[in-house]
């Protein structure tokens, strides 16, 4: 009984061997040529990506190199990547460490104001946006749908349209040209409320029901149970709030007029416009711009892993 099967197996092996000795078919030849072409295509792709990366990095490199030049060298060779001579005068001038015009640019005051308003605005947005997002996601009250639609409408309105109303409201409330006028209107933003609401909707309701059975109040359930589970969304909101408030310009422009309330963005605008000093002073301006970008870049790189994880988790709908 085993002889036919053995014969068939032998025939099948012979057939496979004969197929292995056959010349490659046209499809196999194309696959082989494609495999041979992959390294070349990868090399071209990498060179293209490297070129695009250098194109994006070149302005930052020029900014760093120019901050190490003297004023005559920067004016004569603005695109040169080698400072000649090497100089740190622009850094000394910004921090008041020497030079005849050491106090000409109040960079430390701009930096202190930016840090102050950014810390308060970021903390306020994380707290109030979380509360509003949880209320819109979980609490049942009359008008919740209309309120959420209002949030969406606010998100669609360009910020520049609200500049004059903001000025009128701040002036009417008596907080124009004060720290309160700079901070309070930015404590809550519609985009943050929307982000937190969408994340709270993805949390199972059984978790909150178990906390309520144990006797936890609504705020206790939110603070001790739900909010710790929203850590990725909170990190994302923190980065976006810090970046938005640190780079805010138009609101501070209409909310203040005194030099003592200038932040890095408004102060740099005055510096670039030439209202604070004479001449081009490219090293001084680019040094101030370079230093103003470091906190945001450092925060993003520190929380980069959590930021990417949060973005990926939001891409899958469960």
C-alpha atoms as a PDB file:
ATOM      1  CA  UNK A   1       0.000   0.000   0.000  1.00  0.00           C
ATOM      2  CA  UNK A   2       2.977   2.362   0.633  1.00  0.00           C
ATOM      3  CA  UNK A   3       4.595   1.845  -2.752  1.00  0.00           C
ATOM      4  CA  UNK A   4       2.345   4.204  -4.782  1.00  0.00           C
ATOM      5  CA  UNK A   5       2.686   6.990  -2.223  1.00  0.00           C
ATOM      6  CA  UNK A   6       6.469   6.597  -2.158  1.00  0.00           C
ATOM      7  CA  UNK A   7       6.524   6.699  -5.909  1.00  0.00           C
ATOM      8  CA  UNK A   8       4.371   9.801  -5.954  1.00  0.00           C
ATOM      9  CA  UNK A   9       6.593  11.487  -3.402  1.00  0.00           C
ATOM     10  CA  UNK A  10       9.651  10.553  -5.406  1.00  0.00           C
ATOM     11  CA  UNK A  11       8.000  11.900  -8.542  1.00  0.00           C
ATOM     12  CA  UNK A  12       7.046  15.098  -6.743  1.00  0.00           C
ATOM     13  CA  UNK A  13      10.597  15.564  -5.484  1.00  0.00           C
ATOM     14  CA  UNK A  14      11.931  14.943  -8.943  1.00  0.00           C
ATOM     15  CA  UNK A  15       9.482  17.476 -10.338  1.00  0.00           C
ATOM     16  CA  UNK A  16      10.552  20.064  -7.768  1.00  0.00           C
ATOM     17  CA  UNK A  17      14.214  19.393  -8.566  1.00  0.00           C
ATOM     18  CA  UNK A  18      13.489  19.746 -12.229  1.00  0.00           C
ATOM     19  CA  UNK A  19      11.660  22.981 -11.550  1.00  0.00           C
ATOM     20  CA  UNK A  20      14.656  24.218  -9.594  1.00  0.00           C
ATOM     21  CA  UNK A  21      16.908  23.569 -12.572  1.00  0.00           C
ATOM     22  CA  UNK A  22      14.597  25.343 -14.995  1.00  0.00           C
ATOM     23  CA  UNK A  23      15.609  28.795 -16.178  1.00  0.00           C
ATOM     24  CA  UNK A  24      13.952  31.626 -14.155  1.00  0.00           C
ATOM     25  CA  UNK A  25      10.578  32.768 -15.409  1.00  0.00           C
ATOM     26  CA  UNK A  26       9.948  36.328 -16.532  1.00  0.00           C
ATOM     27  CA  UNK A  27       8.297  37.262 -13.184  1.00  0.00           C
ATOM     28  CA  UNK A  28      11.239  35.887 -11.218  1.00  0.00           C
ATOM     29  CA  UNK A  29      13.608  37.869 -13.379  1.00  0.00           C
ATOM     30  CA  UNK A  30      11.672  41.054 -12.711  1.00  0.00           C
ATOM     31  CA  UNK A  31      11.687  40.361  -8.944  1.00  0.00           C
ATOM     32  CA  UNK A  32      15.446  39.765  -9.066  1.00  0.00           C
ATOM     33  CA  UNK A  33      16.071  42.959 -11.007  1.00  0.00           C
ATOM     34  CA  UNK A  34      13.805  44.791  -8.533  1.00  0.00           C
ATOM     35  CA  UNK A  35      15.868  43.423  -5.651  1.00  0.00           C
ATOM     36  CA  UNK A  36      19.006  44.546  -7.392  1.00  0.00           C
ATOM     37  CA  UNK A  37      17.503  47.968  -7.885  1.00  0.00           C
ATOM     38  CA  UNK A  38      16.386  48.435  -4.264  1.00  0.00           C
ATOM     39  CA  UNK A  39      19.768  49.627  -2.936  1.00  0.00           C
ATOM     40  CA  UNK A  40      19.969  52.207  -5.695  1.00  0.00           C
ATOM     41  CA  UNK A  41      16.435  53.427  -5.009  1.00  0.00           C
ATOM     42  CA  UNK A  42      17.106  53.524  -1.285  1.00  0.00           C
ATOM     43  CA  UNK A  43      20.276  55.523  -1.872  1.00  0.00           C
ATOM     44  CA  UNK A  44      18.413  58.035  -4.041  1.00  0.00           C
ATOM     45  CA  UNK A  45      15.625  58.248  -1.467  1.00  0.00           C
ATOM     46  CA  UNK A  46      18.063  58.817   1.393  1.00  0.00           C
ATOM     47  CA  UNK A  47      19.910  61.481  -0.576  1.00  0.00           C
ATOM     48  CA  UNK A  48      16.598  63.195  -1.314  1.00  0.00           C
ATOM     49  CA  UNK A  49      15.573  63.078   2.335  1.00  0.00           C
ATOM     50  CA  UNK A  50      18.991  64.336   3.420  1.00  0.00           C
ATOM     51  CA  UNK A  51      18.694  67.229   0.971  1.00  0.00           C
ATOM     52  CA  UNK A  52      15.253  68.192   2.287  1.00  0.00           C
ATOM     53  CA  UNK A  53      16.507  67.908   5.886  1.00  0.00           C
ATOM     54  CA  UNK A  54      19.484  70.157   5.123  1.00  0.00           C
ATOM     55  CA  UNK A  55      17.131  72.615   3.439  1.00  0.00           C
ATOM     56  CA  UNK A  56      15.105  72.858   6.646  1.00  0.00           C
ATOM     57  CA  UNK A  57      18.162  72.898   8.923  1.00  0.00           C
ATOM     58  CA  UNK A  58      20.114  75.509   6.967  1.00  0.00           C
ATOM     59  CA  UNK A  59      18.214  78.547   8.377  1.00  0.00           C
ATOM     60  CA  UNK A  60      18.850  77.314  11.936  1.00  0.00           C
ATOM     61  CA  UNK A  61      22.534  76.734  11.181  1.00  0.00           C
ATOM     62  CA  UNK A  62      22.842  80.228   9.707  1.00  0.00           C
ATOM     63  CA  UNK A  63      21.082  81.603  12.774  1.00  0.00           C
ATOM     64  CA  UNK A  64      23.513  79.891  15.160  1.00  0.00           C
ATOM     65  CA  UNK A  65      26.599  80.894  13.143  1.00  0.00           C
ATOM     66  CA  UNK A  66      25.449  84.504  12.748  1.00  0.00           C
ATOM     67  CA  UNK A  67      24.947  84.787  16.508  1.00  0.00           C
ATOM     68  CA  UNK A  68      28.708  84.138  16.814  1.00  0.00           C
ATOM     69  CA  UNK A  69      29.730  86.835  14.326  1.00  0.00           C
ATOM     70  CA  UNK A  70      30.498  90.506  14.661  1.00  0.00           C
ATOM     71  CA  UNK A  71      28.206  93.111  13.113  1.00  0.00           C
ATOM     72  CA  UNK A  72      30.577  93.949  10.181  1.00  0.00           C
ATOM     73  CA  UNK A  73      31.195  90.260   9.433  1.00  0.00           C
ATOM     74  CA  UNK A  74      27.451  89.430   9.505  1.00  0.00           C
ATOM     75  CA  UNK A  75      26.644  92.360   7.217  1.00  0.00           C
ATOM     76  CA  UNK A  76      29.451  91.534   4.759  1.00  0.00           C
ATOM     77  CA  UNK A  77      28.975  87.735   4.709  1.00  0.00           C
ATOM     78  CA  UNK A  78      25.401  86.977   5.874  1.00  0.00           C
ATOM     79  CA  UNK A  79      25.382  83.377   4.535  1.00  0.00           C
ATOM     80  CA  UNK A  80      28.917  82.394   5.528  1.00  0.00           C
ATOM     81  CA  UNK A  81      29.043  79.385   7.869  1.00  0.00           C
ATOM     82  CA  UNK A  82      32.397  80.354   9.410  1.00  0.00           C
ATOM     83  CA  UNK A  83      32.404  83.356  11.775  1.00  0.00           C
ATOM     84  CA  UNK A  84      35.484  85.514  11.213  1.00  0.00           C
ATOM     85  CA  UNK A  85      36.274  86.584  13.868  1.00  0.00           C
ATOM     86  CA  UNK A  86      34.510  84.442  16.450  1.00  0.00           C
ATOM     87  CA  UNK A  87      32.578  86.655  18.885  1.00  0.00           C
ATOM     88  CA  UNK A  88      30.220  86.279  21.872  1.00  0.00           C
ATOM     89  CA  UNK A  89      29.421  89.981  22.135  1.00  0.00           C
ATOM     90  CA  UNK A  90      25.768  89.494  21.199  1.00  0.00           C
ATOM     91  CA  UNK A  91      25.255  87.035  24.092  1.00  0.00           C
ATOM     92  CA  UNK A  92      27.035  89.405  26.499  1.00  0.00           C
ATOM     93  CA  UNK A  93      24.859  92.301  25.385  1.00  0.00           C
ATOM     94  CA  UNK A  94      21.612  90.376  25.770  1.00  0.00           C
ATOM     95  CA  UNK A  95      22.413  89.317  29.325  1.00  0.00           C
ATOM     96  CA  UNK A  96      24.060  92.625  30.296  1.00  0.00           C
ATOM     97  CA  UNK A  97      27.490  91.095  30.897  1.00  0.00           C
ATOM     98  CA  UNK A  98      29.546  93.864  29.308  1.00  0.00           C
ATOM     99  CA  UNK A  99      29.887  96.226  26.421  1.00  0.00           C
ATOM    100  CA  UNK A 100      29.015  99.837  25.967  1.00  0.00           C
ATOM    101  CA  UNK A 101      25.348  99.059  25.118  1.00  0.00           C
ATOM    102  CA  UNK A 102      24.856  96.287  27.669  1.00  0.00           C
ATOM    103  CA  UNK A 103      21.536  97.727  28.906  1.00  0.00           C
ATOM    104  CA  UNK A 104      20.186  98.685  25.502  1.00  0.00           C
ATOM    105  CA  UNK A 105      18.173  95.465  25.074  1.00  0.00           C
ATOM    106  CA  UNK A 106      16.052  94.398  28.107  1.00  0.00           C
ATOM    107  CA  UNK A 107      16.231  90.730  27.154  1.00  0.00           C
ATOM    108  CA  UNK A 108      16.146  89.429  30.737  1.00  0.00           C
ATOM    109  CA  UNK A 109      12.912  91.348  31.411  1.00  0.00           C
ATOM    110  CA  UNK A 110      11.336  89.935  28.244  1.00  0.00           C
ATOM    111  CA  UNK A 111      12.415  86.455  29.308  1.00  0.00           C
ATOM    112  CA  UNK A 112      11.017  86.867  32.829  1.00  0.00           C
ATOM    113  CA  UNK A 113       7.661  88.098  31.505  1.00  0.00           C
ATOM    114  CA  UNK A 114       7.457  85.214  29.031  1.00  0.00           C
ATOM    115  CA  UNK A 115       8.213  82.652  31.723  1.00  0.00           C
ATOM    116  CA  UNK A 116       5.649  84.192  34.082  1.00  0.00           C
ATOM    117  CA  UNK A 117       2.721  84.308  31.669  1.00  0.00           C
ATOM    118  CA  UNK A 118       3.587  80.941  30.099  1.00  0.00           C
ATOM    119  CA  UNK A 119       3.624  79.106  33.440  1.00  0.00           C
ATOM    120  CA  UNK A 120       0.271  80.553  34.538  1.00  0.00           C
ATOM    121  CA  UNK A 121      -1.403  80.059  31.145  1.00  0.00           C
ATOM    122  CA  UNK A 122      -0.147  76.480  30.757  1.00  0.00           C
ATOM    123  CA  UNK A 123      -1.239  75.492  34.265  1.00  0.00           C
ATOM    124  CA  UNK A 124      -4.616  77.158  33.788  1.00  0.00           C
ATOM    125  CA  UNK A 125      -5.263  75.530  30.440  1.00  0.00           C
ATOM    126  CA  UNK A 126      -4.372  72.053  31.666  1.00  0.00           C
ATOM    127  CA  UNK A 127      -6.682  72.405  34.672  1.00  0.00           C
ATOM    128  CA  UNK A 128      -9.668  74.224  33.161  1.00  0.00           C
ATOM    129  CA  UNK A 129      -9.584  72.425  29.810  1.00  0.00           C
ATOM    130  CA  UNK A 130      -9.611  69.096  31.647  1.00  0.00           C
ATOM    131  CA  UNK A 131     -12.591  70.151  33.761  1.00  0.00           C
ATOM    132  CA  UNK A 132     -14.537  71.426  30.759  1.00  0.00           C
ATOM    133  CA  UNK A 133     -13.649  68.392  28.651  1.00  0.00           C
ATOM    134  CA  UNK A 134     -14.781  65.993  31.384  1.00  0.00           C
ATOM    135  CA  UNK A 135     -18.061  67.869  31.845  1.00  0.00           C
ATOM    136  CA  UNK A 136     -18.799  67.764  28.114  1.00  0.00           C
ATOM    137  CA  UNK A 137     -17.864  64.084  27.879  1.00  0.00           C
ATOM    138  CA  UNK A 138     -19.462  62.594  30.989  1.00  0.00           C
ATOM    139  CA  UNK A 139     -21.873  64.891  32.815  1.00  0.00           C
ATOM    140  CA  UNK A 140     -25.504  64.978  31.734  1.00  0.00           C
ATOM    141  CA  UNK A 141     -26.916  68.496  31.847  1.00  0.00           C
ATOM    142  CA  UNK A 142     -29.243  70.557  29.715  1.00  0.00           C
ATOM    143  CA  UNK A 143     -27.556  72.314  26.815  1.00  0.00           C
ATOM    144  CA  UNK A 144     -24.471  70.117  26.759  1.00  0.00           C
ATOM    145  CA  UNK A 145     -24.746  69.454  23.013  1.00  0.00           C
ATOM    146  CA  UNK A 146     -25.290  73.138  22.248  1.00  0.00           C
ATOM    147  CA  UNK A 147     -22.324  74.054  24.428  1.00  0.00           C
ATOM    148  CA  UNK A 148     -20.074  71.592  22.628  1.00  0.00           C
ATOM    149  CA  UNK A 149     -21.216  72.951  19.282  1.00  0.00           C
ATOM    150  CA  UNK A 150     -20.310  76.406  20.554  1.00  0.00           C
ATOM    151  CA  UNK A 151     -16.806  75.129  21.311  1.00  0.00           C
ATOM    152  CA  UNK A 152     -16.517  73.889  17.727  1.00  0.00           C
ATOM    153  CA  UNK A 153     -17.699  77.259  16.412  1.00  0.00           C
ATOM    154  CA  UNK A 154     -15.102  79.093  18.504  1.00  0.00           C
ATOM    155  CA  UNK A 155     -12.396  76.823  17.075  1.00  0.00           C
ATOM    156  CA  UNK A 156     -13.380  77.835  13.548  1.00  0.00           C
ATOM    157  CA  UNK A 157     -13.163  81.597  14.201  1.00  0.00           C
ATOM    158  CA  UNK A 158      -9.797  83.154  13.205  1.00  0.00           C
ATOM    159  CA  UNK A 159      -8.034  84.747  16.160  1.00  0.00           C
ATOM    160  CA  UNK A 160      -7.346  87.983  14.318  1.00  0.00           C
ATOM    161  CA  UNK A 161     -11.115  88.660  14.149  1.00  0.00           C
ATOM    162  CA  UNK A 162     -11.249  88.861  17.958  1.00  0.00           C
ATOM    163  CA  UNK A 163      -8.397  91.348  18.435  1.00  0.00           C
ATOM    164  CA  UNK A 164     -10.541  94.495  18.631  1.00  0.00           C
ATOM    165  CA  UNK A 165     -13.240  92.866  20.826  1.00  0.00           C
ATOM    166  CA  UNK A 166     -10.459  91.663  23.139  1.00  0.00           C
ATOM    167  CA  UNK A 167      -9.076  95.164  23.473  1.00  0.00           C
ATOM    168  CA  UNK A 168     -12.529  96.621  24.186  1.00  0.00           C
ATOM    169  CA  UNK A 169     -13.336  93.981  26.822  1.00  0.00           C
ATOM    170  CA  UNK A 170      -9.963  94.343  28.570  1.00  0.00           C
ATOM    171  CA  UNK A 171     -10.299  98.128  28.581  1.00  0.00           C
ATOM    172  CA  UNK A 172     -13.859  97.926  29.914  1.00  0.00           C
ATOM    173  CA  UNK A 173     -12.845  95.544  32.715  1.00  0.00           C
ATOM    174  CA  UNK A 174      -9.938  97.762  33.711  1.00  0.00           C
ATOM    175  CA  UNK A 175      -7.252  95.106  33.195  1.00  0.00           C
ATOM    176  CA  UNK A 176      -5.679  96.554  30.048  1.00  0.00           C
ATOM    177  CA  UNK A 177      -1.897  96.826  30.274  1.00  0.00           C
ATOM    178  CA  UNK A 178      -1.672  94.483  33.271  1.00  0.00           C
ATOM    179  CA  UNK A 179      -0.510  90.916  33.872  1.00  0.00           C
ATOM    180  CA  UNK A 180      -4.128  89.933  34.533  1.00  0.00           C
ATOM    181  CA  UNK A 181      -5.113  91.153  31.084  1.00  0.00           C
ATOM    182  CA  UNK A 182      -2.281  89.110  29.567  1.00  0.00           C
ATOM    183  CA  UNK A 183      -3.099  85.865  31.407  1.00  0.00           C
ATOM    184  CA  UNK A 184      -6.826  85.588  32.174  1.00  0.00           C
ATOM    185  CA  UNK A 185      -8.179  85.621  28.570  1.00  0.00           C
ATOM    186  CA  UNK A 186      -5.818  82.766  27.652  1.00  0.00           C
ATOM    187  CA  UNK A 187      -6.526  80.466  30.599  1.00  0.00           C
ATOM    188  CA  UNK A 188      -8.984  78.375  28.545  1.00  0.00           C
ATOM    189  CA  UNK A 189      -8.909  77.529  24.851  1.00  0.00           C
ATOM    190  CA  UNK A 190     -11.445  75.662  22.728  1.00  0.00           C
ATOM    191  CA  UNK A 191      -8.897  73.319  21.141  1.00  0.00           C
ATOM    192  CA  UNK A 192      -7.754  72.063  24.546  1.00  0.00           C
ATOM    193  CA  UNK A 193     -11.343  71.450  25.656  1.00  0.00           C
ATOM    194  CA  UNK A 194     -11.974  69.488  22.475  1.00  0.00           C
ATOM    195  CA  UNK A 195      -8.829  67.355  22.914  1.00  0.00           C
ATOM    196  CA  UNK A 196      -9.662  66.465  26.515  1.00  0.00           C
ATOM    197  CA  UNK A 197     -13.320  65.721  25.738  1.00  0.00           C
ATOM    198  CA  UNK A 198     -12.377  63.303  22.977  1.00  0.00           C
ATOM    199  CA  UNK A 199      -9.904  61.513  25.236  1.00  0.00           C
ATOM    200  CA  UNK A 200     -12.356  61.221  28.146  1.00  0.00           C
ATOM    201  CA  UNK A 201     -14.885  59.651  25.787  1.00  0.00           C
ATOM    202  CA  UNK A 202     -12.426  56.797  25.133  1.00  0.00           C
ATOM    203  CA  UNK A 203     -12.210  55.868  28.843  1.00  0.00           C
ATOM    204  CA  UNK A 204     -14.621  53.035  29.800  1.00  0.00           C
ATOM    205  CA  UNK A 205     -17.574  54.163  31.893  1.00  0.00           C
ATOM    206  CA  UNK A 206     -17.236  51.072  34.082  1.00  0.00           C
ATOM    207  CA  UNK A 207     -14.198  52.637  35.748  1.00  0.00           C
ATOM    208  CA  UNK A 208     -16.209  55.669  36.876  1.00  0.00           C
ATOM    209  CA  UNK A 209     -19.193  53.544  37.892  1.00  0.00           C
ATOM    210  CA  UNK A 210     -16.965  51.474  40.162  1.00  0.00           C
ATOM    211  CA  UNK A 211     -15.680  54.658  41.817  1.00  0.00           C
ATOM    212  CA  UNK A 212     -19.241  55.919  42.319  1.00  0.00           C
ATOM    213  CA  UNK A 213     -20.258  52.628  43.917  1.00  0.00           C
ATOM    214  CA  UNK A 214     -17.405  53.128  46.382  1.00  0.00           C
ATOM    215  CA  UNK A 215     -18.916  56.495  47.315  1.00  0.00           C
ATOM    216  CA  UNK A 216     -16.667  58.865  45.345  1.00  0.00           C
ATOM    217  CA  UNK A 217     -18.138  62.217  44.347  1.00  0.00           C
ATOM    218  CA  UNK A 218     -18.055  63.547  40.794  1.00  0.00           C
ATOM    219  CA  UNK A 219     -14.979  65.709  41.388  1.00  0.00           C
ATOM    220  CA  UNK A 220     -13.271  62.896  43.350  1.00  0.00           C
ATOM    221  CA  UNK A 221     -13.911  60.495  40.483  1.00  0.00           C
ATOM    222  CA  UNK A 222     -12.530  63.023  38.015  1.00  0.00           C
ATOM    223  CA  UNK A 223      -9.476  63.973  40.060  1.00  0.00           C
ATOM    224  CA  UNK A 224      -8.404  60.592  41.483  1.00  0.00           C
ATOM    225  CA  UNK A 225      -9.644  58.083  38.891  1.00  0.00           C
ATOM    226  CA  UNK A 226     -10.139  59.602  35.441  1.00  0.00           C
ATOM    227  CA  UNK A 227      -7.463  62.309  35.352  1.00  0.00           C
ATOM    228  CA  UNK A 228      -4.504  59.938  36.082  1.00  0.00           C
ATOM    229  CA  UNK A 229      -5.675  57.795  33.160  1.00  0.00           C
ATOM    230  CA  UNK A 230      -5.545  60.846  30.870  1.00  0.00           C
ATOM    231  CA  UNK A 231      -1.792  61.313  31.241  1.00  0.00           C
ATOM    232  CA  UNK A 232      -0.981  61.121  27.468  1.00  0.00           C
ATOM    233  CA  UNK A 233      -3.643  63.727  26.676  1.00  0.00           C
ATOM    234  CA  UNK A 234      -2.447  65.937  29.534  1.00  0.00           C
ATOM    235  CA  UNK A 235       1.138  65.812  28.254  1.00  0.00           C
ATOM    236  CA  UNK A 236      -0.036  66.696  24.761  1.00  0.00           C
ATOM    237  CA  UNK A 237      -2.104  69.576  26.112  1.00  0.00           C
ATOM    238  CA  UNK A 238       0.842  70.790  28.210  1.00  0.00           C
ATOM    239  CA  UNK A 239       3.161  70.894  25.189  1.00  0.00           C
ATOM    240  CA  UNK A 240       0.607  72.647  22.985  1.00  0.00           C
ATOM    241  CA  UNK A 241      -0.319  75.145  25.712  1.00  0.00           C
ATOM    242  CA  UNK A 242       3.318  75.930  26.509  1.00  0.00           C
ATOM    243  CA  UNK A 243       4.180  76.394  22.846  1.00  0.00           C
ATOM    244  CA  UNK A 244       1.093  78.507  22.146  1.00  0.00           C
ATOM    245  CA  UNK A 245       1.510  80.824  25.136  1.00  0.00           C
ATOM    246  CA  UNK A 246       5.299  81.126  24.696  1.00  0.00           C
ATOM    247  CA  UNK A 247       4.888  82.162  21.049  1.00  0.00           C
ATOM    248  CA  UNK A 248       1.744  84.272  21.611  1.00  0.00           C
ATOM    249  CA  UNK A 249       2.079  87.667  19.961  1.00  0.00           C
ATOM    250  CA  UNK A 250      -1.205  89.201  18.852  1.00  0.00           C
ATOM    251  CA  UNK A 251      -2.944  88.984  22.232  1.00  0.00           C
ATOM    252  CA  UNK A 252      -0.002  90.556  24.075  1.00  0.00           C
ATOM    253  CA  UNK A 253       0.144  93.232  21.381  1.00  0.00           C
ATOM    254  CA  UNK A 254      -3.436  94.377  22.028  1.00  0.00           C
ATOM    255  CA  UNK A 255      -3.434  93.693  25.796  1.00  0.00           C
ATOM    256  CA  UNK A 256      -0.394  95.813  26.722  1.00  0.00           C
ATOM    257  CA  UNK A 257       1.335  99.010  25.741  1.00  0.00           C
ATOM    258  CA  UNK A 258       3.958  99.577  28.448  1.00  0.00           C
ATOM    259  CA  UNK A 259       7.537  98.323  27.879  1.00  0.00           C
ATOM    260  CA  UNK A 260       7.547  96.664  31.308  1.00  0.00           C
ATOM    261  CA  UNK A 261       4.998  94.072  30.077  1.00  0.00           C
ATOM    262  CA  UNK A 262       6.831  93.145  26.887  1.00  0.00           C
ATOM    263  CA  UNK A 263       7.473  89.443  26.359  1.00  0.00           C
ATOM    264  CA  UNK A 264      10.029  87.793  24.082  1.00  0.00           C
ATOM    265  CA  UNK A 265       7.708  87.908  21.080  1.00  0.00           C
ATOM    266  CA  UNK A 266       6.698  91.560  21.385  1.00  0.00           C
ATOM    267  CA  UNK A 267      10.200  92.603  22.440  1.00  0.00           C
ATOM    268  CA  UNK A 268      11.774  90.795  19.487  1.00  0.00           C
ATOM    269  CA  UNK A 269       9.281  92.487  17.177  1.00  0.00           C
ATOM    270  CA  UNK A 270      10.402  95.891  18.450  1.00  0.00           C
ATOM    271  CA  UNK A 271      14.044  94.856  18.180  1.00  0.00           C
ATOM    272  CA  UNK A 272      13.675  93.640  14.600  1.00  0.00           C
ATOM    273  CA  UNK A 273      11.768  96.771  13.604  1.00  0.00           C
ATOM    274  CA  UNK A 274      14.757  98.842  14.738  1.00  0.00           C
ATOM    275  CA  UNK A 275      12.888 100.799  17.408  1.00  0.00           C
ATOM    276  CA  UNK A 276      15.364  99.836  20.142  1.00  0.00           C
ATOM    277  CA  UNK A 277      18.690 100.387  18.418  1.00  0.00           C
ATOM    278  CA  UNK A 278      20.317 101.602  15.266  1.00  0.00           C
ATOM    279  CA  UNK A 279      21.753  99.551  12.433  1.00  0.00           C
ATOM    280  CA  UNK A 280      21.044  96.022  11.283  1.00  0.00           C
ATOM    281  CA  UNK A 281      22.666  94.203  14.238  1.00  0.00           C
ATOM    282  CA  UNK A 282      22.005  90.773  12.759  1.00  0.00           C
ATOM    283  CA  UNK A 283      24.001  88.876  15.431  1.00  0.00           C
ATOM    284  CA  UNK A 284      22.049  90.502  18.270  1.00  0.00           C
ATOM    285  CA  UNK A 285      18.641  89.874  16.680  1.00  0.00           C
ATOM    286  CA  UNK A 286      19.378  86.294  15.684  1.00  0.00           C
ATOM    287  CA  UNK A 287      20.850  85.529  19.095  1.00  0.00           C
ATOM    288  CA  UNK A 288      17.665  86.739  20.779  1.00  0.00           C
ATOM    289  CA  UNK A 289      15.547  84.690  18.365  1.00  0.00           C
ATOM    290  CA  UNK A 290      17.744  81.620  18.935  1.00  0.00           C
ATOM    291  CA  UNK A 291      17.485  81.823  22.711  1.00  0.00           C
ATOM    292  CA  UNK A 292      13.717  82.264  22.534  1.00  0.00           C
ATOM    293  CA  UNK A 293      13.324  78.955  20.677  1.00  0.00           C
ATOM    294  CA  UNK A 294      15.345  76.843  23.137  1.00  0.00           C
ATOM    295  CA  UNK A 295      12.650  76.345  25.855  1.00  0.00           C
ATOM    296  CA  UNK A 296      10.019  75.102  23.398  1.00  0.00           C
ATOM    297  CA  UNK A 297      12.485  72.786  21.664  1.00  0.00           C
ATOM    298  CA  UNK A 298      13.724  71.414  24.993  1.00  0.00           C
ATOM    299  CA  UNK A 299      10.171  70.757  26.206  1.00  0.00           C
ATOM    300  CA  UNK A 300       9.244  68.959  23.002  1.00  0.00           C
ATOM    301  CA  UNK A 301      12.327  66.727  22.997  1.00  0.00           C
ATOM    302  CA  UNK A 302      11.842  65.930  26.698  1.00  0.00           C
ATOM    303  CA  UNK A 303       8.203  64.832  26.169  1.00  0.00           C
ATOM    304  CA  UNK A 304       8.618  63.620  22.584  1.00  0.00           C
ATOM    305  CA  UNK A 305       8.029  59.965  23.431  1.00  0.00           C
ATOM    306  CA  UNK A 306       4.779  60.695  25.278  1.00  0.00           C
ATOM    307  CA  UNK A 307       3.627  63.140  22.577  1.00  0.00           C
ATOM    308  CA  UNK A 308       4.060  60.589  19.766  1.00  0.00           C
ATOM    309  CA  UNK A 309       2.443  57.837  21.842  1.00  0.00           C
ATOM    310  CA  UNK A 310      -0.585  60.040  22.482  1.00  0.00           C
ATOM    311  CA  UNK A 311      -0.899  60.890  18.793  1.00  0.00           C
ATOM    312  CA  UNK A 312      -0.750  57.206  17.827  1.00  0.00           C
ATOM    313  CA  UNK A 313      -3.309  56.190  20.452  1.00  0.00           C
ATOM    314  CA  UNK A 314      -5.743  58.753  19.116  1.00  0.00           C
ATOM    315  CA  UNK A 315      -5.450  57.301  15.617  1.00  0.00           C
ATOM    316  CA  UNK A 316      -7.255  54.072  16.609  1.00  0.00           C
ATOM    317  CA  UNK A 317     -10.953  54.214  17.415  1.00  0.00           C
ATOM    318  CA  UNK A 318     -11.993  51.509  19.857  1.00  0.00           C
END
